[in-house]
PDB file of N, CA and C in Angstrom:
ATOM      1  N   MET A   1      53.102-173.355  -1.976  1.00  0.00           N
ATOM      2  CA  MET A   1      54.061-172.802  -2.501  1.00  0.00           C
ATOM      3  C   MET A   1      55.328-173.019  -3.303  1.00  0.00           C
ATOM      4  N   SER A   2      55.796-172.185  -4.454  1.00  0.00           N
ATOM      5  CA  SER A   2      56.555-172.877  -5.622  1.00  0.00           C
ATOM      6  C   SER A   2      58.042-173.063  -5.148  1.00  0.00           C
ATOM      7  N   ILE A   3      58.790-173.814  -5.595  1.00  0.00           N
ATOM      8  CA  ILE A   3      60.175-174.250  -5.034  1.00  0.00           C
ATOM      9  C   ILE A   3      61.188-172.967  -5.393  1.00  0.00           C
ATOM     10  N   LEU A   4      60.665-172.256  -6.348  1.00  0.00           N
ATOM     11  CA  LEU A   4      61.119-171.041  -6.631  1.00  0.00           C
ATOM     12  C   LEU A   4      60.839-169.903  -5.241  1.00  0.00           C
ATOM     13  N   ASP A   5      60.314-169.954  -4.997  1.00  0.00           N
ATOM     14  CA  ASP A   5      60.046-169.365  -3.117  1.00  0.00           C
ATOM     15  C   ASP A   5      60.988-169.704  -2.420  1.00  0.00           C
ATOM     16  N   GLN A   6      61.670-170.795  -2.419  1.00  0.00           N
ATOM     17  CA  GLN A   6      62.051-170.985  -1.213  1.00  0.00           C
ATOM     18  C   GLN A   6      63.864-171.005  -2.012  1.00  0.00           C
ATOM     19  N   ILE A   7      64.056-170.669  -3.059  1.00  0.00           N
ATOM     20  CA  ILE A   7      65.526-170.785  -3.326  1.00  0.00           C
ATOM     21  C   ILE A   7      66.498-169.669  -2.921  1.00  0.00           C
ATOM     22  N   LEU A   8      66.162-168.235  -2.755  1.00  0.00           N
ATOM     23  CA  LEU A   8      66.685-167.082  -1.780  1.00  0.00           C
ATOM     24  C   LEU A   8      65.441-166.250  -1.806  1.00  0.00           C
ATOM     25  N   PRO A   9      65.761-165.265  -0.746  1.00  0.00           N
ATOM     26  CA  PRO A   9      64.064-164.477  -0.264  1.00  0.00           C
ATOM     27  C   PRO A   9      64.307-163.776  -1.504  1.00  0.00           C
ATOM     28  N   GLU A  10      63.136-163.463  -2.028  1.00  0.00           N
ATOM     29  CA  GLU A  10      62.623-162.375  -2.864  1.00  0.00           C
ATOM     30  C   GLU A  10      63.061-160.876  -2.752  1.00  0.00           C
ATOM     31  N   GLY A  11      63.500-160.582  -3.669  1.00  0.00           N
ATOM     32  CA  GLY A  11      64.601-159.118  -3.537  1.00  0.00           C
ATOM     33  C   GLY A  11      65.824-159.260  -4.170  1.00  0.00           C
ATOM     34  N   ARG A  12      66.809-158.226  -3.606  1.00  0.00           N
ATOM     35  CA  ARG A  12      67.931-158.394  -4.334  1.00  0.00           C
ATOM     36  C   ARG A  12      68.980-159.368  -3.905  1.00  0.00           C
ATOM     37  N   VAL A  13      69.750-159.265  -4.955  1.00  0.00           N
ATOM     38  CA  VAL A  13      70.871-160.546  -5.211  1.00  0.00           C
ATOM     39  C   VAL A  13      72.398-159.413  -4.623  1.00  0.00           C
ATOM     40  N   ASP A  14      72.232-159.565  -3.532  1.00  0.00           N
ATOM     41  CA  ASP A  14      73.392-158.443  -2.970  1.00  0.00           C
ATOM     42  C   ASP A  14      74.764-158.952  -3.419  1.00  0.00           C
ATOM     43  N   THR A  15      75.109-160.266  -3.250  1.00  0.00           N
ATOM     44  CA  THR A  15      76.737-160.872  -3.253  1.00  0.00           C
ATOM     45  C   THR A  15      77.002-161.574  -4.279  1.00  0.00           C
ATOM     46  N   ALA A  16      78.393-161.670  -5.163  1.00  0.00           N
ATOM     47  CA  ALA A  16      78.623-162.781  -5.876  1.00  0.00           C
ATOM     48  C   ALA A  16      78.260-164.026  -5.604  1.00  0.00           C
ATOM     49  N   ALA A  17      78.345-164.363  -4.227  1.00  0.00           N
ATOM     50  CA  ALA A  17      78.149-165.426  -3.644  1.00  0.00           C
ATOM     51  C   ALA A  17      76.296-165.862  -3.738  1.00  0.00           C
ATOM     52  N   ASP A  18      75.634-164.675  -3.494  1.00  0.00           N
ATOM     53  CA  ASP A  18      74.098-165.222  -3.644  1.00  0.00           C
ATOM     54  C   ASP A  18      73.970-165.170  -5.273  1.00  0.00           C
ATOM     55  N   ALA A  19      74.525-164.731  -6.258  1.00  0.00           N
ATOM     56  CA  ALA A  19      74.313-165.193  -7.711  1.00  0.00           C
ATOM     57  C   ALA A  19      74.754-166.173  -8.429  1.00  0.00           C
ATOM     58  N   ASP A  20      75.924-166.731  -7.561  1.00  0.00           N
ATOM     59  CA  ASP A  20      76.314-167.947  -7.999  1.00  0.00           C
ATOM     60  C   ASP A  20      75.155-169.197  -7.695  1.00  0.00           C
ATOM     61  N   TYR A  21      75.167-169.118  -6.175  1.00  0.00           N
ATOM     62  CA  TYR A  21      74.031-169.841  -5.253  1.00  0.00           C
ATOM     63  C   TYR A  21      72.907-169.874  -6.854  1.00  0.00           C
ATOM     64  N   LEU A  22      72.252-168.925  -6.560  1.00  0.00           N
ATOM     65  CA  LEU A  22      70.987-169.161  -7.334  1.00  0.00           C
ATOM     66  C   LEU A  22      71.455-169.356  -8.703  1.00  0.00           C
ATOM     67  N   GLU A  23      72.622-169.004  -9.218  1.00  0.00           N
ATOM     68  CA  GLU A  23      72.527-169.674 -10.612  1.00  0.00           C
ATOM     69  C   GLU A  23      73.103-171.228 -10.852  1.00  0.00           C
ATOM     70  N   ARG A  24      73.665-171.633  -9.577  1.00  0.00           N
ATOM     71  CA  ARG A  24      73.642-172.985  -9.898  1.00  0.00           C
ATOM     72  C   ARG A  24      72.249-174.120  -9.076  1.00  0.00           C
ATOM     73  N   THR A  25      71.857-173.193  -8.288  1.00  0.00           N
ATOM     74  CA  THR A  25      70.660-173.705  -8.126  1.00  0.00           C
ATOM     75  C   THR A  25      69.554-173.825  -9.417  1.00  0.00           C
ATOM     76  N   LEU A  26      69.454-172.802  -9.857  1.00  0.00           N
ATOM     77  CA  LEU A  26      68.048-172.608 -11.319  1.00  0.00           C
ATOM     78  C   LEU A  26      68.898-173.838 -12.630  1.00  0.00           C
ATOM     79  N   LEU A  27      70.224-173.836 -12.332  1.00  0.00           N
ATOM     80  CA  LEU A  27      70.888-175.404 -13.444  1.00  0.00           C
ATOM     81  C   LEU A  27      70.484-176.626 -12.946  1.00  0.00           C
ATOM     82  N   GLU A  28      70.490-176.868 -11.393  1.00  0.00           N
ATOM     83  CA  GLU A  28      70.063-178.036 -11.472  1.00  0.00           C
ATOM     84  C   GLU A  28      68.398-178.138 -11.153  1.00  0.00           C
ATOM     85  N   LEU A  29      67.460-177.275 -10.774  1.00  0.00           N
ATOM     86  CA  LEU A  29      66.210-177.641 -11.090  1.00  0.00           C
ATOM     87  C   LEU A  29      65.698-177.621 -12.618  1.00  0.00           C
ATOM     88  N   ARG A  30      66.709-176.712 -13.572  1.00  0.00           N
ATOM     89  CA  ARG A  30      66.602-177.143 -14.636  1.00  0.00           C
ATOM     90  C   ARG A  30      66.714-178.514 -15.301  1.00  0.00           C
ATOM     91  N   ARG A  31      67.549-179.118 -14.868  1.00  0.00           N
ATOM     92  CA  ARG A  31      68.154-180.231 -15.391  1.00  0.00           C
ATOM     93  C   ARG A  31      67.508-181.653 -14.431  1.00  0.00           C
ATOM     94  N   GLY A  32      66.741-181.236 -13.538  1.00  0.00           N
ATOM     95  CA  GLY A  32      65.603-182.225 -13.219  1.00  0.00           C
ATOM     96  C   GLY A  32      64.324-182.019 -13.777  1.00  0.00           C
ATOM     97  N   GLY A  33      64.292-180.991 -15.041  1.00  0.00           N
ATOM     98  CA  GLY A  33      62.959-180.737 -15.689  1.00  0.00           C
ATOM     99  C   GLY A  33      61.977-179.952 -14.298  1.00  0.00           C
ATOM    100  N   LEU A  34      62.631-179.390 -13.457  1.00  0.00           N
ATOM    101  CA  LEU A  34      61.496-178.824 -12.597  1.00  0.00           C
ATOM    102  C   LEU A  34      60.972-177.682 -12.815  1.00  0.00           C
ATOM    103  N   ILE A  35      61.944-176.893 -13.731  1.00  0.00           N
ATOM    104  CA  ILE A  35      61.918-175.456 -14.333  1.00  0.00           C
ATOM    105  C   ILE A  35      62.188-175.179 -15.685  1.00  0.00           C
ATOM    106  N   GLU A  36      61.658-174.549 -16.217  1.00  0.00           N
ATOM    107  CA  GLU A  36      62.036-173.978 -17.806  1.00  0.00           C
ATOM    108  C   GLU A  36      62.988-172.861 -17.506  1.00  0.00           C
ATOM    109  N   GLU A  37      63.482-172.403 -18.647  1.00  0.00           N
ATOM    110  CA  GLU A  37      63.592-170.672 -19.086  1.00  0.00           C
ATOM    111  C   GLU A  37      62.748-170.436 -19.629  1.00  0.00           C
ATOM    112  N   VAL A  38      62.255-169.141 -19.957  1.00  0.00           N
ATOM    113  CA  VAL A  38      60.989-169.295 -20.822  1.00  0.00           C
ATOM    114  C   VAL A  38      61.621-167.514 -21.376  1.00  0.00           C
ATOM    115  N   PRO A  39      61.249-167.050 -22.713  1.00  0.00           N
ATOM    116  CA  PRO A  39      61.745-165.790 -22.680  1.00  0.00           C
ATOM    117  C   PRO A  39      61.332-164.645 -22.622  1.00  0.00           C
ATOM    118  N   VAL A  40      61.983-163.910 -22.376  1.00  0.00           N
ATOM    119  CA  VAL A  40      61.957-162.610 -21.838  1.00  0.00           C
ATOM    120  C   VAL A  40      60.853-161.189 -22.703  1.00  0.00           C
ATOM    121  N   ASP A  41      59.795-160.742 -22.084  1.00  0.00           N
ATOM    122  CA  ASP A  41      59.310-160.080 -23.153  1.00  0.00           C
ATOM    123  C   ASP A  41      60.031-158.876 -22.772  1.00  0.00           C
ATOM    124  N   PRO A  42      60.540-158.239 -23.644  1.00  0.00           N
ATOM    125  CA  PRO A  42      61.453-156.949 -23.865  1.00  0.00           C
ATOM    126  C   PRO A  42      60.710-155.510 -23.406  1.00  0.00           C
ATOM    127  N   ALA A  43      59.169-155.802 -23.700  1.00  0.00           N
ATOM    128  CA  ALA A  43      58.631-154.727 -23.046  1.00  0.00           C
ATOM    129  C   ALA A  43      58.551-154.426 -21.557  1.00  0.00           C
ATOM    130  N   SER A  44      58.803-155.684 -20.713  1.00  0.00           N
ATOM    131  CA  SER A  44      59.247-156.226 -19.803  1.00  0.00           C
ATOM    132  C   SER A  44      59.859-155.999 -18.559  1.00  0.00           C
ATOM    133  N   ALA A  45      61.272-155.993 -19.257  1.00  0.00           N
ATOM    134  CA  ALA A  45      62.985-156.421 -19.242  1.00  0.00           C
ATOM    135  C   ALA A  45      63.140-155.226 -18.245  1.00  0.00           C
ATOM    136  N   HIS A  46      63.816-155.753 -17.890  1.00  0.00           N
ATOM    137  CA  HIS A  46      65.399-154.473 -17.308  1.00  0.00           C
ATOM    138  C   HIS A  46      65.642-153.592 -18.355  1.00  0.00           C
ATOM    139  N   PRO A  47      65.665-152.463 -18.489  1.00  0.00           N
ATOM    140  CA  PRO A  47      66.342-151.859 -19.679  1.00  0.00           C
ATOM    141  C   PRO A  47      67.631-151.898 -20.126  1.00  0.00           C
ATOM    142  N   LEU A  48      68.547-151.445 -18.823  1.00  0.00           N
ATOM    143  CA  LEU A  48      70.008-151.973 -18.987  1.00  0.00           C
ATOM    144  C   LEU A  48      70.590-153.332 -18.562  1.00  0.00           C
ATOM    145  N   GLN A  49      70.191-154.036 -17.981  1.00  0.00           N
ATOM    146  CA  GLN A  49      70.492-155.097 -17.689  1.00  0.00           C
ATOM    147  C   GLN A  49      70.240-156.364 -18.056  1.00  0.00           C
ATOM    148  N   GLU A  50      70.904-157.480 -18.283  1.00  0.00           N
ATOM    149  CA  GLU A  50      70.467-158.930 -18.528  1.00  0.00           C
ATOM    150  C   GLU A  50      69.838-159.475 -17.765  1.00  0.00           C
ATOM    151  N   GLU A  51      68.322-160.083 -17.899  1.00  0.00           N
ATOM    152  CA  GLU A  51      67.769-160.261 -17.298  1.00  0.00           C
ATOM    153  C   GLU A  51      67.066-162.120 -17.804  1.00  0.00           C
ATOM    154  N   HIS A  52      66.913-163.189 -16.807  1.00  0.00           N
ATOM    155  CA  HIS A  52      65.964-164.295 -17.199  1.00  0.00           C
ATOM    156  C   HIS A  52      64.859-164.345 -16.650  1.00  0.00           C
ATOM    157  N   TRP A  53      64.402-165.387 -17.627  1.00  0.00           N
ATOM    158  CA  TRP A  53      62.905-165.510 -16.674  1.00  0.00           C
ATOM    159  C   TRP A  53      62.929-167.353 -16.426  1.00  0.00           C
ATOM    160  N   TYR A  54      62.138-167.807 -15.640  1.00  0.00           N
ATOM    161  CA  TYR A  54      62.027-168.967 -15.074  1.00  0.00           C
ATOM    162  C   TYR A  54      60.932-169.644 -14.833  1.00  0.00           C
ATOM    163  N   ARG A  55      60.164-170.661 -15.220  1.00  0.00           N
ATOM    164  CA  ARG A  55      58.804-170.761 -15.313  1.00  0.00           C
ATOM    165  C   ARG A  55      59.086-172.368 -14.214  1.00  0.00           C
ATOM    166  N   GLU A  56      58.236-172.335 -13.119  1.00  0.00           N
ATOM    167  CA  GLU A  56      58.192-173.906 -12.346  1.00  0.00           C
ATOM    168  C   GLU A  56      56.909-174.594 -13.250  1.00  0.00           C
ATOM    169  N   VAL A  57      57.406-176.075 -13.431  1.00  0.00           N
ATOM    170  CA  VAL A  57      56.804-176.437 -14.251  1.00  0.00           C
ATOM    171  C   VAL A  57      55.046-177.300 -13.700  1.00  0.00           C
ATOM    172  N   GLY A  58      55.522-176.892 -12.478  1.00  0.00           N
ATOM    173  CA  GLY A  58      53.924-177.449 -12.348  1.00  0.00           C
ATOM    174  C   GLY A  58      53.284-176.720 -11.209  1.00  0.00           C
ATOM    175  N   THR A  59      53.537-175.121 -11.008  1.00  0.00           N
ATOM    176  CA  THR A  59      52.817-174.587 -10.471  1.00  0.00           C
ATOM    177  C   THR A  59      52.541-173.013 -11.750  1.00  0.00           C
ATOM    178  N   GLN A  60      53.201-172.896 -12.782  1.00  0.00           N
ATOM    179  CA  GLN A  60      53.772-172.012 -13.307  1.00  0.00           C
ATOM    180  C   GLN A  60      54.043-170.818 -13.666  1.00  0.00           C
ATOM    181  N   VAL A  61      54.206-170.784 -12.054  1.00  0.00           N
ATOM    182  CA  VAL A  61      54.997-169.619 -11.238  1.00  0.00           C
ATOM    183  C   VAL A  61      56.046-169.399 -12.145  1.00  0.00           C
ATOM    184  N   ILE A  62      56.459-167.683 -12.663  1.00  0.00           N
ATOM    185  CA  ILE A  62      57.230-167.209 -13.106  1.00  0.00           C
ATOM    186  C   ILE A  62      58.421-166.648 -12.564  1.00  0.00           C
ATOM    187  N   TYR A  63      59.500-166.622 -11.897  1.00  0.00           N
ATOM    188  CA  TYR A  63      60.276-165.459 -11.772  1.00  0.00           C
ATOM    189  C   TYR A  63      61.215-164.704 -12.507  1.00  0.00           C
ATOM    190  N   ARG A  64      61.785-163.831 -12.257  1.00  0.00           N
ATOM    191  CA  ARG A  64      63.070-162.742 -13.082  1.00  0.00           C
ATOM    192  C   ARG A  64      63.900-162.724 -12.159  1.00  0.00           C
ATOM    193  N   PHE A  65      65.083-163.197 -12.958  1.00  0.00           N
ATOM    194  CA  PHE A  65      66.757-163.018 -12.742  1.00  0.00           C
ATOM    195  C   PHE A  65      66.973-161.955 -12.980  1.00  0.00           C
ATOM    196  N   VAL A  66      67.896-160.710 -12.553  1.00  0.00           N
ATOM    197  CA  VAL A  66      68.631-159.885 -12.815  1.00  0.00           C
ATOM    198  C   VAL A  66      69.826-160.040 -12.440  1.00  0.00           C
ATOM    199  N   PRO A  67      71.289-160.482 -12.922  1.00  0.00           N
ATOM    200  CA  PRO A  67      72.098-161.112 -12.475  1.00  0.00           C
ATOM    201  C   PRO A  67      72.883-159.467 -12.059  1.00  0.00           C
ATOM    202  N   PRO A  68      73.779-159.502 -10.660  1.00  0.00           N
ATOM    203  CA  PRO A  68      73.866-158.190 -10.640  1.00  0.00           C
ATOM    204  C   PRO A  68      75.078-158.017 -11.307  1.00  0.00           C
ATOM    205  N   ASN A  69      75.256-156.327 -11.502  1.00  0.00           N
ATOM    206  CA  ASN A  69      76.343-155.919 -12.324  1.00  0.00           C
ATOM    207  C   ASN A  69      76.658-154.619 -11.915  1.00  0.00           C
ATOM    208  N   PHE A  70      77.946-155.381 -10.681  1.00  0.00           N
ATOM    209  CA  PHE A  70      78.101-154.703  -9.352  1.00  0.00           C
ATOM    210  C   PHE A  70      79.335-153.204 -10.098  1.00  0.00           C
ATOM    211  N   PRO A  71      78.595-152.166  -9.608  1.00  0.00           N
ATOM    212  CA  PRO A  71      77.965-151.781  -8.362  1.00  0.00           C
ATOM    213  C   PRO A  71      76.865-152.120  -8.205  1.00  0.00           C
ATOM    214  N   ALA A  72      76.247-152.677  -9.552  1.00  0.00           N
ATOM    215  CA  ALA A  72      74.616-152.487  -8.965  1.00  0.00           C
ATOM    216  C   ALA A  72      74.374-153.523  -8.468  1.00  0.00           C
ATOM    217  N   ARG A  73      73.113-154.145  -8.155  1.00  0.00           N
ATOM    218  CA  ARG A  73      72.785-155.342  -7.224  1.00  0.00           C
ATOM    219  C   ARG A  73      72.304-156.083  -8.167  1.00  0.00           C
ATOM    220  N   GLY A  74      71.467-157.161  -8.162  1.00  0.00           N
ATOM    221  CA  GLY A  74      70.572-158.291  -9.072  1.00  0.00           C
ATOM    222  C   GLY A  74      69.409-157.815  -8.400  1.00  0.00           C
ATOM    223  N   HIS A  75      68.397-158.536  -9.045  1.00  0.00           N
ATOM    224  CA  HIS A  75      67.206-159.274  -8.398  1.00  0.00           C
ATOM    225  C   HIS A  75      66.375-160.171  -8.790  1.00  0.00           C
ATOM    226  N   TRP A  76      66.394-160.924  -7.955  1.00  0.00           N
ATOM    227  CA  TRP A  76      65.210-162.124  -8.088  1.00  0.00           C
ATOM    228  C   TRP A  76      63.966-162.125  -7.171  1.00  0.00           C
ATOM    229  N   GLY A  77      62.660-162.444  -8.176  1.00  0.00           N
ATOM    230  CA  GLY A  77      61.436-161.882  -7.675  1.00  0.00           C
ATOM    231  C   GLY A  77      60.760-162.592  -8.509  1.00  0.00           C
ATOM    232  N   ARG A  78      59.334-162.852  -8.140  1.00  0.00           N
ATOM    233  CA  ARG A  78      58.130-163.167  -9.221  1.00  0.00           C
ATOM    234  C   ARG A  78      57.793-162.244  -9.673  1.00  0.00           C
ATOM    235  N   LEU A  79      57.048-162.411 -10.570  1.00  0.00           N
ATOM    236  CA  LEU A  79      56.941-161.321 -11.794  1.00  0.00           C
ATOM    237  C   LEU A  79      55.588-160.626 -11.259  1.00  0.00           C
ATOM    238  N   SER A  80      54.804-159.472 -11.756  1.00  0.00           N
ATOM    239  CA  SER A  80      53.887-159.220 -10.886  1.00  0.00           C
ATOM    240  C   SER A  80      52.748-159.311 -12.028  1.00  0.00           C
ATOM    241  N   GLN A  81      51.414-159.019 -11.764  1.00  0.00           N
ATOM    242  CA  GLN A  81      50.368-159.377 -12.108  1.00  0.00           C
ATOM    243  C   GLN A  81      50.393-158.296 -13.860  1.00  0.00           C
ATOM    244  N   GLN A  82      51.306-157.394 -13.491  1.00  0.00           N
ATOM    245  CA  GLN A  82      51.115-156.249 -15.028  1.00  0.00           C
ATOM    246  C   GLN A  82      52.133-156.912 -16.002  1.00  0.00           C
ATOM    247  N   GLU A  83      52.518-157.942 -16.100  1.00  0.00           N
ATOM    248  CA  GLU A  83      53.442-158.964 -16.982  1.00  0.00           C
ATOM    249  C   GLU A  83      52.924-158.931 -18.563  1.00  0.00           C
ATOM    250  N   PRO A  84      53.583-159.346 -19.679  1.00  0.00           N
ATOM    251  CA  PRO A  84      52.759-159.743 -20.650  1.00  0.00           C
ATOM    252  C   PRO A  84      51.879-160.914 -20.212  1.00  0.00           C
ATOM    253  N   PRO A  85      50.563-160.394 -21.648  1.00  0.00           N
ATOM    254  CA  PRO A  85      50.030-161.406 -21.509  1.00  0.00           C
ATOM    255  C   PRO A  85      50.287-162.743 -22.021  1.00  0.00           C
ATOM    256  N   GLY A  86      51.123-162.799 -22.449  1.00  0.00           N
ATOM    257  CA  GLY A  86      51.464-164.533 -23.128  1.00  0.00           C
ATOM    258  C   GLY A  86      51.788-165.414 -22.007  1.00  0.00           C
ATOM    259  N   HIS A  87      51.960-164.915 -20.261  1.00  0.00           N
ATOM    260  CA  HIS A  87      52.735-165.535 -19.494  1.00  0.00           C
ATOM    261  C   HIS A  87      51.464-165.588 -18.823  1.00  0.00           C
ATOM    262  N   ARG A  88      51.399-166.656 -17.904  1.00  0.00           N
ATOM    263  CA  ARG A  88      50.541-166.776 -16.924  1.00  0.00           C
ATOM    264  C   ARG A  88      50.625-165.312 -15.657  1.00  0.00           C
ATOM    265  N   ARG A  89      49.913-165.277 -15.463  1.00  0.00           N
ATOM    266  CA  ARG A  89      49.420-164.092 -14.489  1.00  0.00           C
ATOM    267  C   ARG A  89      49.559-164.364 -13.336  1.00  0.00           C
ATOM    268  N   VAL A  90      50.729-164.432 -12.303  1.00  0.00           N
ATOM    269  CA  VAL A  90      51.060-164.757 -11.162  1.00  0.00           C
ATOM    270  C   VAL A  90      51.020-163.472  -9.752  1.00  0.00           C
ATOM    271  N   SER A  91      50.459-163.450  -8.889  1.00  0.00           N
ATOM    272  CA  SER A  91      50.499-162.388  -7.732  1.00  0.00           C
ATOM    273  C   SER A  91      51.779-161.699  -7.237  1.00  0.00           C
ATOM    274  N   SER A  92      52.430-161.096  -7.096  1.00  0.00           N
ATOM    275  CA  SER A  92      54.230-160.782  -6.255  1.00  0.00           C
ATOM    276  C   SER A  92      53.342-160.759  -5.125  1.00  0.00           C
ATOM    277  N   ASN A  93      52.716-161.233  -4.465  1.00  0.00           N
ATOM    278  CA  ASN A  93      52.513-161.107  -2.362  1.00  0.00           C
ATOM    279  C   ASN A  93      52.469-163.255  -2.214  1.00  0.00           C
ATOM    280  N   GLY A  94      52.824-163.824  -3.034  1.00  0.00           N
ATOM    281  CA  GLY A  94      52.669-165.180  -2.838  1.00  0.00           C
ATOM    282  C   GLY A  94      51.285-165.707  -3.739  1.00  0.00           C
TER     283      GLY A  94
END
């Protein structure tokens, strides 16, 4: 199981507190060398919101983080198998 699976349940980032927790945790993991931010493929990105992609170094699992833009909720979840060919494809169900 990826450490990214354990940060926040996959799905919506409902509150500012959820977003703050997620951002702090991702920063700590990046500083520790456990994850890295990878370029977002514009063809797969959210069309109207900022988006960040993170890859766990050990497993190559990639997650996407769309920060909330209230009133719109954010999103945290694995990339689907339909993601760009330049990235390792991962299952959306673990």
